[in-house]
Amino acid sequence: MSTVYSVDVTIRAPVYATEVTDRVADAIRNVFPGVEVEERPGELVATTHSLESFSEHLHRAEILDTARMTFLGNLEGDTFAFRLKKQSAFAGRVNFAVGTPAELGDIEVEVTVRDPDPETYIDRVAPPTEDGVPIDPDERGSDR
């Protein structure tokens, strides 16, 4: 039996006059496939209740340790947040943004975990590793 997770993920990306809105939407969908992107004044907003596809990106790119450090370092209560570079996302790659936001802004992601707890969910999305390999990869499955 798989664990059922209750999470709310909000994804926001600014859209500037010099950008093509559809390309920014594509950047979001490339790393969060299947999300519905809504256009609002000056930004795009998407929501989802799973980071399973995003987790697959982290595994393929072999950046689980970086992701864990980013998630845990930005954990406040039941919520963690992180930023991704738009250009990398447009190319289908996950590249965490650090420091000052890029000139055209970053993709901002906020994850609120309702059940079971944020640390357990982070372990699911970006499991602990040993020498870059997930310690218990057999426990990976769907979080839907």
C-alpha atoms as a PDB file:
ATOM      1  CA  MET A   1       0.000   0.000   0.000  1.00  0.00           C
ATOM      2  CA  SER A   2       1.396   3.392  -0.918  1.00  0.00           C
ATOM      3  CA  THR A   3       1.359   6.446   1.309  1.00  0.00           C
ATOM      4  CA  VAL A   4      -1.112   9.178   0.465  1.00  0.00           C
ATOM      5  CA  TYR A   5       0.303  12.688   0.645  1.00  0.00           C
ATOM      6  CA  SER A   6      -1.670  15.907   0.975  1.00  0.00           C
ATOM      7  CA  VAL A   7       0.292  18.764  -0.559  1.00  0.00           C
ATOM      8  CA  ASP A   8      -0.503  22.054  -2.231  1.00  0.00           C
ATOM      9  CA  VAL A   9       2.055  23.411  -4.677  1.00  0.00           C
ATOM     10  CA  THR A  10       1.840  26.941  -6.080  1.00  0.00           C
ATOM     11  CA  ILE A  11       4.124  27.907  -8.945  1.00  0.00           C
ATOM     12  CA  ARG A  12       4.536  31.569  -9.956  1.00  0.00           C
ATOM     13  CA  ALA A  13       6.612  33.184 -12.671  1.00  0.00           C
ATOM     14  CA  PRO A  14       6.744  36.853 -13.605  1.00  0.00           C
ATOM     15  CA  VAL A  15       6.207  37.694 -17.270  1.00  0.00           C
ATOM     16  CA  TYR A  16       7.850  40.853 -18.533  1.00  0.00           C
ATOM     17  CA  ALA A  17       6.980  42.844 -21.670  1.00  0.00           C
ATOM     18  CA  THR A  18      10.116  41.530 -23.386  1.00  0.00           C
ATOM     19  CA  GLU A  19       9.068  37.894 -22.842  1.00  0.00           C
ATOM     20  CA  VAL A  20       6.707  35.648 -24.750  1.00  0.00           C
ATOM     21  CA  THR A  21       4.061  34.457 -22.287  1.00  0.00           C
ATOM     22  CA  ASP A  22       3.753  31.033 -23.944  1.00  0.00           C
ATOM     23  CA  ARG A  23       7.488  30.419 -23.547  1.00  0.00           C
ATOM     24  CA  VAL A  24       7.305  31.180 -19.811  1.00  0.00           C
ATOM     25  CA  ALA A  25       4.305  28.824 -19.557  1.00  0.00           C
ATOM     26  CA  ASP A  26       6.321  26.167 -21.419  1.00  0.00           C
ATOM     27  CA  ALA A  27       9.168  26.607 -18.920  1.00  0.00           C
ATOM     28  CA  ILE A  28       6.766  25.879 -16.064  1.00  0.00           C
ATOM     29  CA  ARG A  29       5.209  22.882 -17.821  1.00  0.00           C
ATOM     30  CA  ASN A  30       8.610  21.447 -18.734  1.00  0.00           C
ATOM     31  CA  VAL A  31       9.474  20.841 -15.072  1.00  0.00           C
ATOM     32  CA  PHE A  32       5.907  20.487 -13.772  1.00  0.00           C
ATOM     33  CA  PRO A  33       4.141  18.567 -16.551  1.00  0.00           C
ATOM     34  CA  GLY A  34       0.370  18.495 -16.533  1.00  0.00           C
ATOM     35  CA  VAL A  35      -0.170  21.700 -14.552  1.00  0.00           C
ATOM     36  CA  GLU A  36      -2.788  24.176 -15.686  1.00  0.00           C
ATOM     37  CA  VAL A  37      -1.161  27.582 -16.088  1.00  0.00           C
ATOM     38  CA  GLU A  38      -3.297  30.646 -15.446  1.00  0.00           C
ATOM     39  CA  GLU A  39      -2.341  34.056 -16.796  1.00  0.00           C
ATOM     40  CA  ARG A  40      -2.632  36.936 -14.337  1.00  0.00           C
ATOM     41  CA  PRO A  41      -1.460  40.527 -14.745  1.00  0.00           C
ATOM     42  CA  GLY A  42       2.331  40.371 -14.966  1.00  0.00           C
ATOM     43  CA  GLU A  43       2.647  36.715 -13.987  1.00  0.00           C
ATOM     44  CA  LEU A  44       1.687  33.122 -14.584  1.00  0.00           C
ATOM     45  CA  VAL A  45       0.376  30.938 -11.757  1.00  0.00           C
ATOM     46  CA  ALA A  46      -0.015  27.170 -11.681  1.00  0.00           C
ATOM     47  CA  THR A  47      -1.025  24.720  -8.977  1.00  0.00           C
ATOM     48  CA  THR A  48      -0.564  21.008  -8.452  1.00  0.00           C
ATOM     49  CA  HIS A  49      -0.848  18.475  -5.655  1.00  0.00           C
ATOM     50  CA  SER A  50       2.151  16.338  -6.564  1.00  0.00           C
ATOM     51  CA  LEU A  51       5.861  16.780  -7.130  1.00  0.00           C
ATOM     52  CA  GLU A  52       6.299  13.273  -8.575  1.00  0.00           C
ATOM     53  CA  SER A  53       7.341  14.470 -12.059  1.00  0.00           C
ATOM     54  CA  PHE A  54       9.563  17.135 -10.535  1.00  0.00           C
ATOM     55  CA  SER A  55      11.163  14.428  -8.376  1.00  0.00           C
ATOM     56  CA  GLU A  56      11.913  12.440 -11.531  1.00  0.00           C
ATOM     57  CA  HIS A  57      13.757  15.488 -12.912  1.00  0.00           C
ATOM     58  CA  LEU A  58      15.828  15.637  -9.702  1.00  0.00           C
ATOM     59  CA  HIS A  59      16.697  11.941  -9.959  1.00  0.00           C
ATOM     60  CA  ARG A  60      17.667  12.158 -13.652  1.00  0.00           C
ATOM     61  CA  ALA A  61      19.813  15.239 -13.052  1.00  0.00           C
ATOM     62  CA  GLU A  62      21.369  13.577  -9.987  1.00  0.00           C
ATOM     63  CA  ILE A  63      20.834  16.669  -7.837  1.00  0.00           C
ATOM     64  CA  LEU A  64      18.978  15.066  -4.931  1.00  0.00           C
ATOM     65  CA  ASP A  65      21.430  16.365  -2.315  1.00  0.00           C
ATOM     66  CA  THR A  66      21.151  19.920  -3.646  1.00  0.00           C
ATOM     67  CA  ALA A  67      17.366  19.673  -3.682  1.00  0.00           C
ATOM     68  CA  ARG A  68      17.228  18.311  -0.104  1.00  0.00           C
ATOM     69  CA  MET A  69      19.512  21.049   1.146  1.00  0.00           C
ATOM     70  CA  THR A  70      17.403  23.694  -0.630  1.00  0.00           C
ATOM     71  CA  PHE A  71      14.080  22.295   0.609  1.00  0.00           C
ATOM     72  CA  LEU A  72      15.190  21.773   4.206  1.00  0.00           C
ATOM     73  CA  GLY A  73      17.012  25.113   4.294  1.00  0.00           C
ATOM     74  CA  ASN A  74      13.809  26.922   3.289  1.00  0.00           C
ATOM     75  CA  LEU A  75      11.418  24.939   5.477  1.00  0.00           C
ATOM     76  CA  GLU A  76       9.215  27.051   7.743  1.00  0.00           C
ATOM     77  CA  GLY A  77       6.470  25.194   9.579  1.00  0.00           C
ATOM     78  CA  ASP A  78       4.630  23.052   7.051  1.00  0.00           C
ATOM     79  CA  THR A  79       5.871  24.997   4.004  1.00  0.00           C
ATOM     80  CA  PHE A  80       9.048  25.096   1.966  1.00  0.00           C
ATOM     81  CA  ALA A  81       9.833  27.280  -1.012  1.00  0.00           C
ATOM     82  CA  PHE A  82      12.445  27.434  -3.730  1.00  0.00           C
ATOM     83  CA  ARG A  83      13.210  29.243  -6.968  1.00  0.00           C
ATOM     84  CA  LEU A  84      14.156  27.832 -10.363  1.00  0.00           C
ATOM     85  CA  LYS A  85      15.865  29.508 -13.288  1.00  0.00           C
ATOM     86  CA  LYS A  86      13.413  30.151 -16.130  1.00  0.00           C
ATOM     87  CA  GLN A  87      15.885  29.553 -18.959  1.00  0.00           C
ATOM     88  CA  SER A  88      16.933  26.153 -17.607  1.00  0.00           C
ATOM     89  CA  ALA A  89      13.289  25.186 -17.054  1.00  0.00           C
ATOM     90  CA  PHE A  90      12.485  26.157 -20.638  1.00  0.00           C
ATOM     91  CA  ALA A  91      15.161  23.654 -21.710  1.00  0.00           C
ATOM     92  CA  GLY A  92      13.581  21.019 -19.434  1.00  0.00           C
ATOM     93  CA  ARG A  93      16.305  21.162 -16.788  1.00  0.00           C
ATOM     94  CA  VAL A  94      16.059  21.907 -13.084  1.00  0.00           C
ATOM     95  CA  ASN A  95      18.484  24.585 -11.935  1.00  0.00           C
ATOM     96  CA  PHE A  96      17.870  26.113  -8.519  1.00  0.00           C
ATOM     97  CA  ALA A  97      18.162  29.891  -8.371  1.00  0.00           C
ATOM     98  CA  VAL A  98      20.133  31.337  -5.483  1.00  0.00           C
ATOM     99  CA  GLY A  99      20.926  34.885  -4.483  1.00  0.00           C
ATOM    100  CA  THR A 100      19.467  37.828  -6.352  1.00  0.00           C
ATOM    101  CA  PRO A 101      16.666  36.886  -8.764  1.00  0.00           C
ATOM    102  CA  ALA A 102      17.558  36.857 -12.461  1.00  0.00           C
ATOM    103  CA  GLU A 103      16.828  39.974 -14.499  1.00  0.00           C
ATOM    104  CA  LEU A 104      13.613  38.450 -15.862  1.00  0.00           C
ATOM    105  CA  GLY A 105      12.741  36.810 -12.564  1.00  0.00           C
ATOM    106  CA  ASP A 106      12.716  33.192 -11.479  1.00  0.00           C
ATOM    107  CA  ILE A 107      10.046  30.559 -11.199  1.00  0.00           C
ATOM    108  CA  GLU A 108       8.949  30.596  -7.557  1.00  0.00           C
ATOM    109  CA  VAL A 109       7.569  27.422  -6.010  1.00  0.00           C
ATOM    110  CA  GLU A 110       5.842  27.122  -2.643  1.00  0.00           C
ATOM    111  CA  VAL A 111       4.971  23.701  -1.239  1.00  0.00           C
ATOM    112  CA  THR A 112       2.640  23.286   1.739  1.00  0.00           C
ATOM    113  CA  VAL A 113       2.522  19.775   3.185  1.00  0.00           C
ATOM    114  CA  ARG A 114      -0.626  18.910   5.117  1.00  0.00           C
ATOM    115  CA  ASP A 115      -0.032  15.200   5.638  1.00  0.00           C
ATOM    116  CA  PRO A 116       2.054  13.438   6.804  1.00  0.00           C
ATOM    117  CA  ASP A 117       4.763  16.078   7.513  1.00  0.00           C
ATOM    118  CA  PRO A 118       7.167  18.188   5.428  1.00  0.00           C
ATOM    119  CA  GLU A 119      10.308  16.207   6.271  1.00  0.00           C
ATOM    120  CA  THR A 120       8.695  12.913   5.225  1.00  0.00           C
ATOM    121  CA  TYR A 121       7.492  14.477   1.975  1.00  0.00           C
ATOM    122  CA  ILE A 122      10.942  15.932   1.274  1.00  0.00           C
ATOM    123  CA  ASP A 123      12.375  12.430   1.817  1.00  0.00           C
ATOM    124  CA  ARG A 124       9.907  11.226  -0.820  1.00  0.00           C
ATOM    125  CA  VAL A 125      10.691  13.911  -3.413  1.00  0.00           C
ATOM    126  CA  ALA A 126      14.445  14.057  -2.814  1.00  0.00           C
ATOM    127  CA  PRO A 127      15.483  11.013  -0.788  1.00  0.00           C
ATOM    128  CA  PRO A 128      18.697  10.965   1.215  1.00  0.00           C
ATOM    129  CA  THR A 129      21.644   9.628  -0.741  1.00  0.00           C
ATOM    130  CA  GLU A 130      24.871   7.828  -0.162  1.00  0.00           C
ATOM    131  CA  ASP A 131      27.564   8.603  -2.727  1.00  0.00           C
ATOM    132  CA  GLY A 132      24.853  10.291  -4.818  1.00  0.00           C
ATOM    133  CA  VAL A 133      22.599   7.206  -4.906  1.00  0.00           C
ATOM    134  CA  PRO A 134      19.241   7.170  -3.081  1.00  0.00           C
ATOM    135  CA  ILE A 135      19.656   5.094   0.081  1.00  0.00           C
ATOM    136  CA  ASP A 136      16.352   3.242  -0.336  1.00  0.00           C
ATOM    137  CA  PRO A 137      15.259   3.617  -3.984  1.00  0.00           C
ATOM    138  CA  ASP A 138      12.798   0.674  -3.743  1.00  0.00           C
ATOM    139  CA  GLU A 139      10.443   2.789  -1.657  1.00  0.00           C
ATOM    140  CA  ARG A 140       9.912   5.305  -4.475  1.00  0.00           C
ATOM    141  CA  GLY A 141       6.474   5.282  -5.994  1.00  0.00           C
ATOM    142  CA  SER A 142       3.626   7.607  -6.734  1.00  0.00           C
ATOM    143  CA  ASP A 143       2.566  10.327  -4.295  1.00  0.00           C
ATOM    144  CA  ARG A 144      -0.838  10.725  -5.880  1.00  0.00           C
END
